[in-house]
Amino acid sequence: MAAMVVLFQFKLGANRSVSRLRLKQIWSVASNSDKVTVNRIPRTVGLGHTYSLMGPSDLANIAVVESRLRLLLDKHIEGAAITLMRMN
């Protein structure tokens, strides 16, 4: 089994948040896998959190996953200014 690694991180705009459960659902659909986890840590500078999306290191079609993830985040977190970074 492939190791779990951080594949994406993102921050939301001011006064926006998403529950871990909802984020895991979004991430699972985007990655087409239930072998995913999410983490949310407070930012060291400013308000809000940094969200990390973890999955298997051998997740296939990462560019396609990223496209789906961007669409789903935009759809389910309305009005959020999302800064998404691919980590690998």
Protein backbone atom coordinates (compact mmCIF):
# COMPACT_ATOMS: atom_id res chain seq x y z
CA MET A 1 0.00 0.00 0.00
CA ALA A 2 1.28 3.48 -0.89
CA ALA A 3 2.18 5.89 1.89
CA MET A 4 -0.23 8.72 2.74
CA VAL A 5 1.20 12.12 1.82
CA VAL A 6 -0.04 15.69 1.67
CA LEU A 7 -1.12 16.21 -1.94
CA PHE A 8 -2.80 19.61 -1.66
CA GLN A 9 -3.02 22.48 0.78
CA PHE A 10 -5.31 25.46 0.67
CA LYS A 11 -6.48 28.48 2.58
CA LEU A 12 -9.89 30.11 2.45
CA GLY A 13 -10.68 33.78 2.30
CA ALA A 14 -11.59 35.77 5.38
CA ASN A 15 -14.55 34.56 7.44
CA ARG A 16 -14.84 31.27 5.53
CA SER A 17 -14.43 27.74 6.81
CA VAL A 18 -15.40 24.20 5.99
CA SER A 19 -16.01 21.28 8.33
CA ARG A 20 -13.60 18.37 8.26
CA LEU A 21 -16.43 15.98 7.39
CA ARG A 22 -17.60 18.08 4.43
CA LEU A 23 -14.03 18.59 3.25
CA LYS A 24 -13.34 14.86 3.42
CA GLN A 25 -16.45 14.22 1.33
CA ILE A 26 -15.32 16.75 -1.29
CA TRP A 27 -11.78 15.37 -1.31
CA SER A 28 -13.01 11.78 -1.62
CA VAL A 29 -15.16 12.64 -4.65
CA ALA A 30 -12.37 14.66 -6.30
CA SER A 31 -9.78 11.94 -5.78
CA ASN A 32 -12.20 9.10 -6.52
CA SER A 33 -10.93 7.37 -3.38
CA ASP A 34 -12.10 6.75 0.16
CA LYS A 35 -8.47 6.34 1.27
CA VAL A 36 -8.08 10.05 2.01
CA THR A 37 -7.72 12.20 5.10
CA VAL A 38 -7.91 15.90 5.84
CA ASN A 39 -6.32 18.15 8.41
CA ARG A 40 -6.97 21.70 9.50
CA ILE A 41 -4.44 23.74 11.46
CA PRO A 42 -4.64 27.38 12.58
CA ARG A 43 -2.55 29.77 10.50
CA THR A 44 0.53 31.15 12.19
CA VAL A 45 -0.09 34.55 10.60
CA GLY A 46 -3.57 35.99 10.27
CA LEU A 47 -6.92 34.43 10.93
CA GLY A 48 -8.25 31.15 9.62
CA HIS A 49 -6.78 27.76 8.92
CA THR A 50 -4.56 25.94 6.47
CA TYR A 51 -6.26 22.81 5.17
CA SER A 52 -4.21 19.77 4.09
CA LEU A 53 -5.57 17.00 1.87
CA MET A 54 -3.76 13.68 2.15
CA GLY A 55 -3.97 10.64 -0.04
CA PRO A 56 -1.90 7.76 -1.38
CA SER A 57 1.46 8.79 -2.83
CA ASP A 58 0.62 6.90 -6.01
CA LEU A 59 -2.74 8.62 -6.63
CA ALA A 60 -3.32 8.44 -10.39
CA ASN A 61 -4.08 11.40 -12.67
CA ILE A 62 -3.18 14.10 -10.15
CA ALA A 63 -3.82 16.88 -12.70
CA VAL A 64 -7.38 15.58 -13.28
CA VAL A 65 -7.88 15.25 -9.52
CA GLU A 66 -6.74 18.85 -9.07
CA SER A 67 -9.22 20.09 -11.68
CA ARG A 68 -12.10 18.23 -10.04
CA LEU A 69 -11.02 19.46 -6.62
CA ARG A 70 -10.97 23.09 -7.74
CA LEU A 71 -14.46 22.77 -9.23
CA LEU A 72 -15.88 21.07 -6.16
CA LEU A 73 -14.34 23.56 -3.72
CA ASP A 74 -15.73 26.45 -5.76
CA LYS A 75 -19.15 24.81 -5.87
CA HIS A 76 -19.43 23.82 -2.20
CA ILE A 77 -17.70 26.73 -0.49
CA GLU A 78 -19.49 29.66 -2.07
CA GLY A 79 -17.82 33.03 -1.94
CA ALA A 80 -14.55 31.62 -0.70
CA ALA A 81 -11.31 32.95 -2.13
CA ILE A 82 -9.46 29.63 -2.30
CA THR A 83 -5.70 29.40 -2.61
CA LEU A 84 -4.93 25.79 -3.58
CA MET A 85 -1.39 24.46 -3.90
CA ARG A 86 -0.35 21.07 -5.24
CA MET A 87 2.33 19.65 -2.95
CA ASN A 88 3.96 17.09 -5.22
